[in-house]
């Protein structure tokens, strides 16, 4: 059966979903304990909310199917998409819950902050949302990333911008974080080597709320082909709407195309309105994918939540299913789970496939999917990878 536990830390109520076997005495020896570091509060809280849905569905399926006699339970901690709360949350999970494996965080700075703690505790961490190259380069034997890093993403976006969109000029917009700066730098390096020109690079803090001056500045630069943008949803909405009002992007009658990564959730188009028209961004999940694995996931998600799944739902689901695959291959405690993760090759997920290199970085690029927002605010998969 499934039981809900409510944990309260620093005034924040955190729901933990714990799947229990029928006989508690035997369950204690056959439970894989998963600690989840998710941004349940703060500017990245939409990540946490959607991650939890994907995790819940995966738990239902894994525990119903049974994996080598093991069941799975999860305890959540609010890591708030920031280094300090993330380290505090990681310590609580390790000290009080004693997990066999951890998943999270979404934001790179938070992930980088918890990695030394997790390495010292010798507990494997599976990461899906953090793009900073520092997560896997030079490498951490206990941290595994299932999505392409900022270099893999940045090279791909810049190459597609230059070759598929015929872009020759770019303006970079990014938050001043490890991921924001890293993504922008990789795009700039690749784009200029191909022959493009970066007109300016504009960074900003997470406390900036008015982007009118930045949009006006860009409008005065003349022809801008693409605007790679690296920021969370709240600021992303304001930036996109400011660019529309300044007549820079297609939604405002301009020619510039915004480019983005998985930082923005599905549904961004409806919130941004016409400002999102022509926006091209990476997502980790393509709902038009016809693989049976994807069709079954979509059907199950709709049945459980009465909604279409997002790429955040999908990458959270894949993290749990990867753990189930590892347990099926013999992982049963932190060390053996780590060892089996390192051996992972071509494991299929809803987002794509997973194969780790020596630095525990997924080398598969089929987890990168491009979507373009159409004039009616629907989107189309561009099938570039």
Foldseek 3Di string as FASTA:
>chain_A
DKDWDWDADPNDTFIWIFDADPDNVVQVQAEAEEEEEEACDALLNVLVVLLVLLQVLLLVVDQVVDFPPHHYTYGYAHCNLAQPSLQVRLVCCCPPVVGQAYEDDQEQNNLVNNLVVCLVSLFAYEYEHYAQPVQLVVFRLRYAYFAHHLLVVLLVVLVCCCPVVVFAEEEEEFEPDRRGVSNRVNNQVNNVVVRHYYPYYDYHHPVDQACLVVLLVVLVPPDHAEYEHYDALRNVLNNLLSVLVNLDPVLNVHRYEYEYEQRYKPVSLVVNDSSQAFHKYKAQADCVDPDPQSVVVQVSSCVVPVDGRISSSFSSNVVSVVLSVQVSVPDDGRVSSSVSLQCDDFPAGRRGTADQDPNNYGPDNSSIWMWGQHSVRDIDTPPPD
